[in-house]
Amino acid sequence: MTRKAAVLMGLAMVAVLGAPPVSAHEAWPSGHGGNWRATHAAIYAIGNRIAFLQADPEIDDGYKGPIIVKGHADIDQLRATLRPAHWRWASPCCYSRRPISIR
């Protein structure tokens, strides 16, 4: 093997072995439910648009009504693309405890 080929092979090995994993810090993998952050940001933006339309008394209800209904439908579709939440704790939360009674 020539020196040039050996150097290129060494650089390729360093590039492959030295690269960090692509999804090392991603909590929600892209293959399961899409990009969680982008979907959450879209839901938040649509929710803000709906809130601003509902709060503006100058806009006619006949105009903003269909826009609000469509926004709610879009939010429902986006939520359907997300997978269900999985919690990190081993046991259920406070709902499994007996209620506290004060005498």
PDB file of N, CA and C in Angstrom:
ATOM      1  N   MET A   1       0.849  -1.159   0.000  1.00  0.00           N
ATOM      2  CA  MET A   1       0.000   0.000   0.000  1.00  0.00           C
ATOM      3  C   MET A   1       0.901   1.230   0.000  1.00  0.00           C
ATOM      4  N   THR A   2       0.514   2.212  -0.788  1.00  0.00           N
ATOM      5  CA  THR A   2       1.330   3.415  -0.872  1.00  0.00           C
ATOM      6  C   THR A   2       1.093   4.303   0.347  1.00  0.00           C
ATOM      7  N   ARG A   3       1.994   5.229   0.506  1.00  0.00           N
ATOM      8  CA  ARG A   3       1.902   6.124   1.660  1.00  0.00           C
ATOM      9  C   ARG A   3       0.646   6.989   1.591  1.00  0.00           C
ATOM     10  N   LYS A   4       0.280   7.447   0.403  1.00  0.00           N
ATOM     11  CA  LYS A   4      -0.909   8.281   0.236  1.00  0.00           C
ATOM     12  C   LYS A   4      -2.176   7.498   0.603  1.00  0.00           C
ATOM     13  N   ALA A   5      -2.260   6.258   0.183  1.00  0.00           N
ATOM     14  CA  ALA A   5      -3.424   5.427   0.501  1.00  0.00           C
ATOM     15  C   ALA A   5      -3.490   5.140   2.001  1.00  0.00           C
ATOM     16  N   ALA A   6      -2.328   4.925   2.625  1.00  0.00           N
ATOM     17  CA  ALA A   6      -2.303   4.663   4.059  1.00  0.00           C
ATOM     18  C   ALA A   6      -2.757   5.890   4.852  1.00  0.00           C
ATOM     19  N   VAL A   7      -2.327   7.070   4.422  1.00  0.00           N
ATOM     20  CA  VAL A   7      -2.734   8.305   5.108  1.00  0.00           C
ATOM     21  C   VAL A   7      -4.236   8.521   4.955  1.00  0.00           C
ATOM     22  N   LEU A   8      -4.763   8.311   3.760  1.00  0.00           N
ATOM     23  CA  LEU A   8      -6.198   8.474   3.532  1.00  0.00           C
ATOM     24  C   LEU A   8      -7.002   7.461   4.350  1.00  0.00           C
ATOM     25  N   MET A   9      -6.521   6.231   4.412  1.00  0.00           N
ATOM     26  CA  MET A   9      -7.199   5.203   5.204  1.00  0.00           C
ATOM     27  C   MET A   9      -7.174   5.575   6.685  1.00  0.00           C
ATOM     28  N   GLY A  10      -6.069   6.085   7.169  1.00  0.00           N
ATOM     29  CA  GLY A  10      -5.966   6.508   8.563  1.00  0.00           C
ATOM     30  C   GLY A  10      -6.898   7.669   8.871  1.00  0.00           C
ATOM     31  N   LEU A  11      -6.975   8.644   7.980  1.00  0.00           N
ATOM     32  CA  LEU A  11      -7.885   9.775   8.182  1.00  0.00           C
ATOM     33  C   LEU A  11      -9.345   9.320   8.172  1.00  0.00           C
ATOM     34  N   ALA A  12      -9.668   8.393   7.298  1.00  0.00           N
ATOM     35  CA  ALA A  12     -11.038   7.871   7.253  1.00  0.00           C
ATOM     36  C   ALA A  12     -11.369   7.146   8.552  1.00  0.00           C
ATOM     37  N   MET A  13     -10.430   6.375   9.084  1.00  0.00           N
ATOM     38  CA  MET A  13     -10.664   5.651  10.332  1.00  0.00           C
ATOM     39  C   MET A  13     -10.833   6.633  11.499  1.00  0.00           C
ATOM     40  N   VAL A  14     -10.029   7.691  11.530  1.00  0.00           N
ATOM     41  CA  VAL A  14     -10.145   8.686  12.591  1.00  0.00           C
ATOM     42  C   VAL A  14     -11.491   9.390  12.501  1.00  0.00           C
ATOM     43  N   ALA A  15     -11.942   9.712  11.289  1.00  0.00           N
ATOM     44  CA  ALA A  15     -13.217  10.394  11.117  1.00  0.00           C
ATOM     45  C   ALA A  15     -14.383   9.506  11.548  1.00  0.00           C
ATOM     46  N   VAL A  16     -14.320   8.223  11.214  1.00  0.00           N
ATOM     47  CA  VAL A  16     -15.423   7.320  11.556  1.00  0.00           C
ATOM     48  C   VAL A  16     -15.428   6.994  13.047  1.00  0.00           C
ATOM     49  N   LEU A  17     -14.286   6.701  13.598  1.00  0.00           N
ATOM     50  CA  LEU A  17     -14.227   6.301  15.002  1.00  0.00           C
ATOM     51  C   LEU A  17     -14.304   7.490  15.959  1.00  0.00           C
ATOM     52  N   GLY A  18     -13.936   8.664  15.507  1.00  0.00           N
ATOM     53  CA  GLY A  18     -13.923   9.821  16.374  1.00  0.00           C
ATOM     54  C   GLY A  18     -15.236  10.588  16.392  1.00  0.00           C
ATOM     55  N   ALA A  19     -16.156  10.272  15.486  1.00  0.00           N
ATOM     56  CA  ALA A  19     -17.424  10.994  15.422  1.00  0.00           C
ATOM     57  C   ALA A  19     -18.353  10.539  16.547  1.00  0.00           C
ATOM     58  N   PRO A  20     -19.020  11.472  17.210  1.00  0.00           N
ATOM     59  CA  PRO A  20     -19.963  11.088  18.272  1.00  0.00           C
ATOM     60  C   PRO A  20     -21.224  10.481  17.659  1.00  0.00           C
ATOM     61  N   PRO A  21     -21.956   9.701  18.432  1.00  0.00           N
ATOM     62  CA  PRO A  21     -23.207   9.155  17.908  1.00  0.00           C
ATOM     63  C   PRO A  21     -24.175  10.274  17.560  1.00  0.00           C
ATOM     64  N   VAL A  22     -24.985  10.065  16.557  1.00  0.00           N
ATOM     65  CA  VAL A  22     -25.868  11.107  16.066  1.00  0.00           C
ATOM     66  C   VAL A  22     -26.937  11.445  17.091  1.00  0.00           C
ATOM     67  N   SER A  23     -27.521  10.453  17.717  1.00  0.00           N
ATOM     68  CA  SER A  23     -28.627  10.708  18.640  1.00  0.00           C
ATOM     69  C   SER A  23     -28.209  10.475  20.087  1.00  0.00           C
ATOM     70  N   ALA A  24     -27.057  10.986  20.464  1.00  0.00           N
ATOM     71  CA  ALA A  24     -26.557  10.744  21.809  1.00  0.00           C
ATOM     72  C   ALA A  24     -27.392  11.444  22.869  1.00  0.00           C
ATOM     73  N   HIS A  25     -27.939  12.641  22.571  1.00  0.00           N
ATOM     74  CA  HIS A  25     -28.683  13.378  23.581  1.00  0.00           C
ATOM     75  C   HIS A  25     -30.160  13.512  23.233  1.00  0.00           C
ATOM     76  N   GLU A  26     -30.603  12.880  22.171  1.00  0.00           N
ATOM     77  CA  GLU A  26     -31.988  13.023  21.748  1.00  0.00           C
ATOM     78  C   GLU A  26     -32.883  12.128  22.590  1.00  0.00           C
ATOM     79  N   ALA A  27     -33.817  12.733  23.317  1.00  0.00           N
ATOM     80  CA  ALA A  27     -34.685  11.974  24.207  1.00  0.00           C
ATOM     81  C   ALA A  27     -35.747  11.200  23.439  1.00  0.00           C
ATOM     82  N   TRP A  28     -36.233  11.746  22.326  1.00  0.00           N
ATOM     83  CA  TRP A  28     -37.272  11.100  21.526  1.00  0.00           C
ATOM     84  C   TRP A  28     -36.679  10.811  20.160  1.00  0.00           C
ATOM     85  N   PRO A  29     -36.374   9.556  19.831  1.00  0.00           N
ATOM     86  CA  PRO A  29     -35.789   9.245  18.526  1.00  0.00           C
ATOM     87  C   PRO A  29     -36.725   9.650  17.389  1.00  0.00           C
ATOM     88  N   SER A  30     -36.151  10.023  16.271  1.00  0.00           N
ATOM     89  CA  SER A  30     -36.933  10.504  15.140  1.00  0.00           C
ATOM     90  C   SER A  30     -37.814   9.420  14.535  1.00  0.00           C
ATOM     91  N   GLY A  31     -37.404   8.174  14.619  1.00  0.00           N
ATOM     92  CA  GLY A  31     -38.171   7.095  14.018  1.00  0.00           C
ATOM     93  C   GLY A  31     -39.456   6.787  14.755  1.00  0.00           C
ATOM     94  N   HIS A  32     -39.584   7.235  15.987  1.00  0.00           N
ATOM     95  CA  HIS A  32     -40.771   6.934  16.787  1.00  0.00           C
ATOM     96  C   HIS A  32     -41.458   8.224  17.173  1.00  0.00           C
ATOM     97  N   GLY A  33     -42.390   8.662  16.341  1.00  0.00           N
ATOM     98  CA  GLY A  33     -43.172   9.833  16.696  1.00  0.00           C
ATOM     99  C   GLY A  33     -42.631  11.140  16.148  1.00  0.00           C
ATOM    100  N   GLY A  34     -41.657  11.111  15.279  1.00  0.00           N
ATOM    101  CA  GLY A  34     -41.150  12.332  14.682  1.00  0.00           C
ATOM    102  C   GLY A  34     -40.266  13.119  15.630  1.00  0.00           C
ATOM    103  N   ASN A  35     -39.951  14.309  15.222  1.00  0.00           N
ATOM    104  CA  ASN A  35     -39.118  15.184  16.023  1.00  0.00           C
ATOM    105  C   ASN A  35     -39.988  15.833  17.099  1.00  0.00           C
ATOM    106  N   TRP A  36     -39.797  15.471  18.336  1.00  0.00           N
ATOM    107  CA  TRP A  36     -40.652  15.923  19.426  1.00  0.00           C
ATOM    108  C   TRP A  36     -40.587  17.425  19.595  1.00  0.00           C
ATOM    109  N   ARG A  37     -39.415  17.981  19.537  1.00  0.00           N
ATOM    110  CA  ARG A  37     -39.266  19.425  19.771  1.00  0.00           C
ATOM    111  C   ARG A  37     -39.967  20.251  18.693  1.00  0.00           C
ATOM    112  N   ALA A  38     -39.818  19.844  17.438  1.00  0.00           N
ATOM    113  CA  ALA A  38     -40.468  20.586  16.353  1.00  0.00           C
ATOM    114  C   ALA A  38     -41.981  20.457  16.438  1.00  0.00           C
ATOM    115  N   THR A  39     -42.470  19.272  16.757  1.00  0.00           N
ATOM    116  CA  THR A  39     -43.911  19.073  16.890  1.00  0.00           C
ATOM    117  C   THR A  39     -44.458  19.885  18.059  1.00  0.00           C
ATOM    118  N   HIS A  40     -43.743  19.872  19.174  1.00  0.00           N
ATOM    119  CA  HIS A  40     -44.176  20.639  20.340  1.00  0.00           C
ATOM    120  C   HIS A  40     -44.178  22.132  20.041  1.00  0.00           C
ATOM    121  N   ALA A  41     -43.181  22.628  19.319  1.00  0.00           N
ATOM    122  CA  ALA A  41     -43.121  24.045  18.956  1.00  0.00           C
ATOM    123  C   ALA A  41     -44.284  24.411  18.030  1.00  0.00           C
ATOM    124  N   ALA A  42     -44.647  23.515  17.111  1.00  0.00           N
ATOM    125  CA  ALA A  42     -45.765  23.782  16.212  1.00  0.00           C
ATOM    126  C   ALA A  42     -47.083  23.826  16.983  1.00  0.00           C
ATOM    127  N   ILE A  43     -47.270  22.901  17.925  1.00  0.00           N
ATOM    128  CA  ILE A  43     -48.479  22.900  18.754  1.00  0.00           C
ATOM    129  C   ILE A  43     -48.552  24.196  19.561  1.00  0.00           C
ATOM    130  N   TYR A  44     -47.444  24.619  20.109  1.00  0.00           N
ATOM    131  CA  TYR A  44     -47.385  25.850  20.905  1.00  0.00           C
ATOM    132  C   TYR A  44     -47.714  27.067  20.045  1.00  0.00           C
ATOM    133  N   ALA A  45     -47.180  27.130  18.827  1.00  0.00           N
ATOM    134  CA  ALA A  45     -47.428  28.267  17.940  1.00  0.00           C
ATOM    135  C   ALA A  45     -48.893  28.329  17.518  1.00  0.00           C
ATOM    136  N   ILE A  46     -49.483  27.188  17.190  1.00  0.00           N
ATOM    137  CA  ILE A  46     -50.895  27.174  16.803  1.00  0.00           C
ATOM    138  C   ILE A  46     -51.766  27.562  17.998  1.00  0.00           C
ATOM    139  N   GLY A  47     -51.410  27.069  19.178  1.00  0.00           N
ATOM    140  CA  GLY A  47     -52.153  27.442  20.386  1.00  0.00           C
ATOM    141  C   GLY A  47     -52.087  28.936  20.648  1.00  0.00           C
ATOM    142  N   ASN A  48     -50.939  29.549  20.406  1.00  0.00           N
ATOM    143  CA  ASN A  48     -50.812  31.002  20.573  1.00  0.00           C
ATOM    144  C   ASN A  48     -51.667  31.759  19.568  1.00  0.00           C
ATOM    145  N   ARG A  49     -51.681  31.282  18.309  1.00  0.00           N
ATOM    146  CA  ARG A  49     -52.519  31.920  17.295  1.00  0.00           C
ATOM    147  C   ARG A  49     -53.991  31.857  17.681  1.00  0.00           C
ATOM    148  N   ILE A  50     -54.415  30.708  18.172  1.00  0.00           N
ATOM    149  CA  ILE A  50     -55.811  30.548  18.602  1.00  0.00           C
ATOM    150  C   ILE A  50     -56.111  31.501  19.756  1.00  0.00           C
ATOM    151  N   ALA A  51     -55.215  31.597  20.717  1.00  0.00           N
ATOM    152  CA  ALA A  51     -55.428  32.475  21.869  1.00  0.00           C
ATOM    153  C   ALA A  51     -55.518  33.935  21.443  1.00  0.00           C
ATOM    154  N   PHE A  52     -54.662  34.358  20.524  1.00  0.00           N
ATOM    155  CA  PHE A  52     -54.711  35.745  20.072  1.00  0.00           C
ATOM    156  C   PHE A  52     -56.009  36.039  19.318  1.00  0.00           C
ATOM    157  N   LEU A  53     -56.471  35.081  18.511  1.00  0.00           N
ATOM    158  CA  LEU A  53     -57.732  35.284  17.802  1.00  0.00           C
ATOM    159  C   LEU A  53     -58.910  35.354  18.772  1.00  0.00           C
ATOM    160  N   GLN A  54     -58.905  34.491  19.779  1.00  0.00           N
ATOM    161  CA  GLN A  54     -60.003  34.487  20.735  1.00  0.00           C
ATOM    162  C   GLN A  54     -60.011  35.749  21.585  1.00  0.00           C
ATOM    163  N   ALA A  55     -58.870  36.328  21.840  1.00  0.00           N
ATOM    164  CA  ALA A  55     -58.775  37.497  22.713  1.00  0.00           C
ATOM    165  C   ALA A  55     -59.048  38.811  21.991  1.00  0.00           C
ATOM    166  N   ASP A  56     -59.027  38.825  20.666  1.00  0.00           N
ATOM    167  CA  ASP A  56     -59.194  40.073  19.919  1.00  0.00           C
ATOM    168  C   ASP A  56     -60.682  40.338  19.670  1.00  0.00           C
ATOM    169  N   PRO A  57     -61.262  41.363  20.330  1.00  0.00           N
ATOM    170  CA  PRO A  57     -62.687  41.631  20.136  1.00  0.00           C
ATOM    171  C   PRO A  57     -62.992  42.347  18.815  1.00  0.00           C
ATOM    172  N   GLU A  58     -61.983  42.887  18.154  1.00  0.00           N
ATOM    173  CA  GLU A  58     -62.186  43.620  16.905  1.00  0.00           C
ATOM    174  C   GLU A  58     -62.462  42.693  15.723  1.00  0.00           C
ATOM    175  N   ILE A  59     -62.058  41.439  15.814  1.00  0.00           N
ATOM    176  CA  ILE A  59     -62.248  40.496  14.705  1.00  0.00           C
ATOM    177  C   ILE A  59     -63.615  39.845  14.848  1.00  0.00           C
ATOM    178  N   ASP A  60     -64.334  39.758  13.739  1.00  0.00           N
ATOM    179  CA  ASP A  60     -65.674  39.173  13.723  1.00  0.00           C
ATOM    180  C   ASP A  60     -65.600  37.677  14.023  1.00  0.00           C
ATOM    181  N   ASP A  61     -66.569  37.199  14.800  1.00  0.00           N
ATOM    182  CA  ASP A  61     -66.606  35.777  15.156  1.00  0.00           C
ATOM    183  C   ASP A  61     -66.827  34.892  13.942  1.00  0.00           C
ATOM    184  N   GLY A  62     -67.542  35.364  12.966  1.00  0.00           N
ATOM    185  CA  GLY A  62     -67.761  34.587  11.749  1.00  0.00           C
ATOM    186  C   GLY A  62     -66.475  34.381  10.962  1.00  0.00           C
ATOM    187  N   TYR A  63     -65.521  35.309  11.109  1.00  0.00           N
ATOM    188  CA  TYR A  63     -64.236  35.184  10.414  1.00  0.00           C
ATOM    189  C   TYR A  63     -63.276  34.285  11.180  1.00  0.00           C
ATOM    190  N   LYS A  64     -63.188  34.505  12.507  1.00  0.00           N
ATOM    191  CA  LYS A  64     -62.178  33.778  13.282  1.00  0.00           C
ATOM    192  C   LYS A  64     -62.655  32.398  13.727  1.00  0.00           C
ATOM    193  N   GLY A  65     -63.949  32.121  13.696  1.00  0.00           N
ATOM    194  CA  GLY A  65     -64.464  30.813  14.117  1.00  0.00           C
ATOM    195  C   GLY A  65     -63.887  29.646  13.333  1.00  0.00           C
ATOM    196  N   PRO A  66     -63.955  29.666  11.985  1.00  0.00           N
ATOM    197  CA  PRO A  66     -63.383  28.547  11.217  1.00  0.00           C
ATOM    198  C   PRO A  66     -61.865  28.411  11.376  1.00  0.00           C
ATOM    199  N   ILE A  67     -61.192  29.528  11.562  1.00  0.00           N
ATOM    200  CA  ILE A  67     -59.735  29.479  11.755  1.00  0.00           C
ATOM    201  C   ILE A  67     -59.409  28.788  13.075  1.00  0.00           C
ATOM    202  N   ILE A  68     -60.175  29.091  14.110  1.00  0.00           N
ATOM    203  CA  ILE A  68     -59.947  28.477  15.423  1.00  0.00           C
ATOM    204  C   ILE A  68     -60.253  26.982  15.376  1.00  0.00           C
ATOM    205  N   VAL A  69     -61.351  26.607  14.715  1.00  0.00           N
ATOM    206  CA  VAL A  69     -61.707  25.190  14.599  1.00  0.00           C
ATOM    207  C   VAL A  69     -60.625  24.433  13.836  1.00  0.00           C
ATOM    208  N   LYS A  70     -60.118  25.020  12.753  1.00  0.00           N
ATOM    209  CA  LYS A  70     -59.045  24.384  11.973  1.00  0.00           C
ATOM    210  C   LYS A  70     -57.773  24.268  12.810  1.00  0.00           C
ATOM    211  N   GLY A  71     -57.479  25.285  13.619  1.00  0.00           N
ATOM    212  CA  GLY A  71     -56.298  25.232  14.490  1.00  0.00           C
ATOM    213  C   GLY A  71     -56.392  24.106  15.505  1.00  0.00           C
ATOM    214  N   HIS A  72     -57.573  23.920  16.098  1.00  0.00           N
ATOM    215  CA  HIS A  72     -57.756  22.812  17.043  1.00  0.00           C
ATOM    216  C   HIS A  72     -57.598  21.464  16.351  1.00  0.00           C
ATOM    217  N   ALA A  73     -58.102  21.352  15.118  1.00  0.00           N
ATOM    218  CA  ALA A  73     -57.949  20.102  14.360  1.00  0.00           C
ATOM    219  C   ALA A  73     -56.475  19.849  14.049  1.00  0.00           C
ATOM    220  N   ASP A  74     -55.731  20.904  13.707  1.00  0.00           N
ATOM    221  CA  ASP A  74     -54.291  20.749  13.446  1.00  0.00           C
ATOM    222  C   ASP A  74     -53.551  20.289  14.699  1.00  0.00           C
ATOM    223  N   ILE A  75     -53.909  20.850  15.841  1.00  0.00           N
ATOM    224  CA  ILE A  75     -53.268  20.448  17.097  1.00  0.00           C
ATOM    225  C   ILE A  75     -53.547  18.984  17.396  1.00  0.00           C
ATOM    226  N   ASP A  76     -54.800  18.552  17.174  1.00  0.00           N
ATOM    227  CA  ASP A  76     -55.132  17.136  17.401  1.00  0.00           C
ATOM    228  C   ASP A  76     -54.328  16.215  16.489  1.00  0.00           C
ATOM    229  N   GLN A  77     -54.140  16.620  15.229  1.00  0.00           N
ATOM    230  CA  GLN A  77     -53.344  15.811  14.293  1.00  0.00           C
ATOM    231  C   GLN A  77     -51.887  15.755  14.727  1.00  0.00           C
ATOM    232  N   LEU A  78     -51.343  16.877  15.183  1.00  0.00           N
ATOM    233  CA  LEU A  78     -49.950  16.885  15.631  1.00  0.00           C
ATOM    234  C   LEU A  78     -49.768  16.034  16.886  1.00  0.00           C
ATOM    235  N   ARG A  79     -50.709  16.108  17.811  1.00  0.00           N
ATOM    236  CA  ARG A  79     -50.613  15.291  19.022  1.00  0.00           C
ATOM    237  C   ARG A  79     -50.699  13.807  18.701  1.00  0.00           C
ATOM    238  N   ALA A  80     -51.452  13.464  17.652  1.00  0.00           N
ATOM    239  CA  ALA A  80     -51.574  12.055  17.266  1.00  0.00           C
ATOM    240  C   ALA A  80     -50.261  11.512  16.710  1.00  0.00           C
ATOM    241  N   THR A  81     -49.384  12.378  16.203  1.00  0.00           N
ATOM    242  CA  THR A  81     -48.111  11.897  15.665  1.00  0.00           C
ATOM    243  C   THR A  81     -47.103  11.584  16.762  1.00  0.00           C
ATOM    244  N   LEU A  82     -47.304  12.150  17.952  1.00  0.00           N
ATOM    245  CA  LEU A  82     -46.385  11.897  19.062  1.00  0.00           C
ATOM    246  C   LEU A  82     -46.719  10.567  19.720  1.00  0.00           C
ATOM    247  N   ARG A  83     -45.695   9.863  20.126  1.00  0.00           N
ATOM    248  CA  ARG A  83     -45.957   8.613  20.841  1.00  0.00           C
ATOM    249  C   ARG A  83     -46.329   8.943  22.287  1.00  0.00           C
ATOM    250  N   PRO A  84     -46.980   7.998  22.975  1.00  0.00           N
ATOM    251  CA  PRO A  84     -47.378   8.269  24.355  1.00  0.00           C
ATOM    252  C   PRO A  84     -46.168   8.522  25.252  1.00  0.00           C
ATOM    253  N   ALA A  85     -46.399   9.293  26.280  1.00  0.00           N
ATOM    254  CA  ALA A  85     -45.317   9.622  27.211  1.00  0.00           C
ATOM    255  C   ALA A  85     -44.919   8.391  28.009  1.00  0.00           C
ATOM    256  N   HIS A  86     -43.638   8.240  28.257  1.00  0.00           N
ATOM    257  CA  HIS A  86     -43.143   7.179  29.129  1.00  0.00           C
ATOM    258  C   HIS A  86     -42.391   7.866  30.267  1.00  0.00           C
ATOM    259  N   TRP A  87     -42.808   7.547  31.477  1.00  0.00           N
ATOM    260  CA  TRP A  87     -42.266   8.222  32.640  1.00  0.00           C
ATOM    261  C   TRP A  87     -41.037   7.510  33.146  1.00  0.00           C
ATOM    262  N   ARG A  88     -40.159   8.240  33.782  1.00  0.00           N
ATOM    263  CA  ARG A  88     -38.878   7.694  34.228  1.00  0.00           C
ATOM    264  C   ARG A  88     -38.947   7.033  35.589  1.00  0.00           C
ATOM    265  N   TRP A  89     -39.965   7.341  36.376  1.00  0.00           N
ATOM    266  CA  TRP A  89     -40.011   6.743  37.697  1.00  0.00           C
ATOM    267  C   TRP A  89     -40.592   5.335  37.608  1.00  0.00           C
ATOM    268  N   ALA A  90     -40.183   4.490  38.541  1.00  0.00           N
ATOM    269  CA  ALA A  90     -40.565   3.081  38.493  1.00  0.00           C
ATOM    270  C   ALA A  90     -41.980   2.847  38.993  1.00  0.00           C
ATOM    271  N   SER A  91     -42.401   3.579  39.993  1.00  0.00           N
ATOM    272  CA  SER A  91     -43.742   3.377  40.532  1.00  0.00           C
ATOM    273  C   SER A  91     -44.626   4.561  40.149  1.00  0.00           C
ATOM    274  N   PRO A  92     -45.932   4.360  40.149  1.00  0.00           N
ATOM    275  CA  PRO A  92     -46.817   5.470  39.813  1.00  0.00           C
ATOM    276  C   PRO A  92     -46.706   6.601  40.823  1.00  0.00           C
ATOM    277  N   CYS A  93     -47.197   7.689  40.463  1.00  0.00           N
ATOM    278  CA  CYS A  93     -47.133   8.904  41.281  1.00  0.00           C
ATOM    279  C   CYS A  93     -48.053   8.804  42.495  1.00  0.00           C
ATOM    280  N   CYS A  94     -48.450   9.920  42.999  1.00  0.00           N
ATOM    281  CA  CYS A  94     -49.242   9.994  44.224  1.00  0.00           C
ATOM    282  C   CYS A  94     -50.643   9.415  44.073  1.00  0.00           C
ATOM    283  N   TYR A  95     -51.091   9.096  42.873  1.00  0.00           N
ATOM    284  CA  TYR A  95     -52.430   8.558  42.686  1.00  0.00           C
ATOM    285  C   TYR A  95     -52.567   7.154  43.268  1.00  0.00           C
ATOM    286  N   SER A  96     -51.479   6.452  43.477  1.00  0.00           N
ATOM    287  CA  SER A  96     -51.562   5.101  44.011  1.00  0.00           C
ATOM    288  C   SER A  96     -51.589   5.087  45.540  1.00  0.00           C
ATOM    289  N   ARG A  97     -51.357   6.219  46.165  1.00  0.00           N
ATOM    290  CA  ARG A  97     -51.362   6.269  47.634  1.00  0.00           C
ATOM    291  C   ARG A  97     -52.782   6.393  48.175  1.00  0.00           C
ATOM    292  N   ARG A  98     -52.934   5.982  49.411  1.00  0.00           N
ATOM    293  CA  ARG A  98     -54.231   6.169  50.081  1.00  0.00           C
ATOM    294  C   ARG A  98     -54.435   7.644  50.358  1.00  0.00           C
ATOM    295  N   PRO A  99     -55.681   8.127  50.285  1.00  0.00           N
ATOM    296  CA  PRO A  99     -55.929   9.535  50.593  1.00  0.00           C
ATOM    297  C   PRO A  99     -55.650   9.849  52.060  1.00  0.00           C
ATOM    298  N   ILE A 100     -55.196  11.034  52.322  1.00  0.00           N
ATOM    299  CA  ILE A 100     -54.901  11.481  53.669  1.00  0.00           C
ATOM    300  C   ILE A 100     -56.184  12.045  54.276  1.00  0.00           C
ATOM    301  N   SER A 101     -56.530  11.587  55.444  1.00  0.00           N
ATOM    302  CA  SER A 101     -57.710  12.131  56.118  1.00  0.00           C
ATOM    303  C   SER A 101     -57.260  12.848  57.390  1.00  0.00           C
ATOM    304  N   ILE A 102     -57.707  14.052  57.565  1.00  0.00           N
ATOM    305  CA  ILE A 102     -57.358  14.864  58.722  1.00  0.00           C
ATOM    306  C   ILE A 102     -58.562  14.883  59.660  1.00  0.00           C
ATOM    307  N   ARG A 103     -58.345  14.555  60.908  1.00  0.00           N
ATOM    308  CA  ARG A 103     -59.443  14.514  61.883  1.00  0.00           C
ATOM    309  C   ARG A 103     -59.544  15.790  62.642  1.00  0.00           C
TER     310      ARG A 103
END
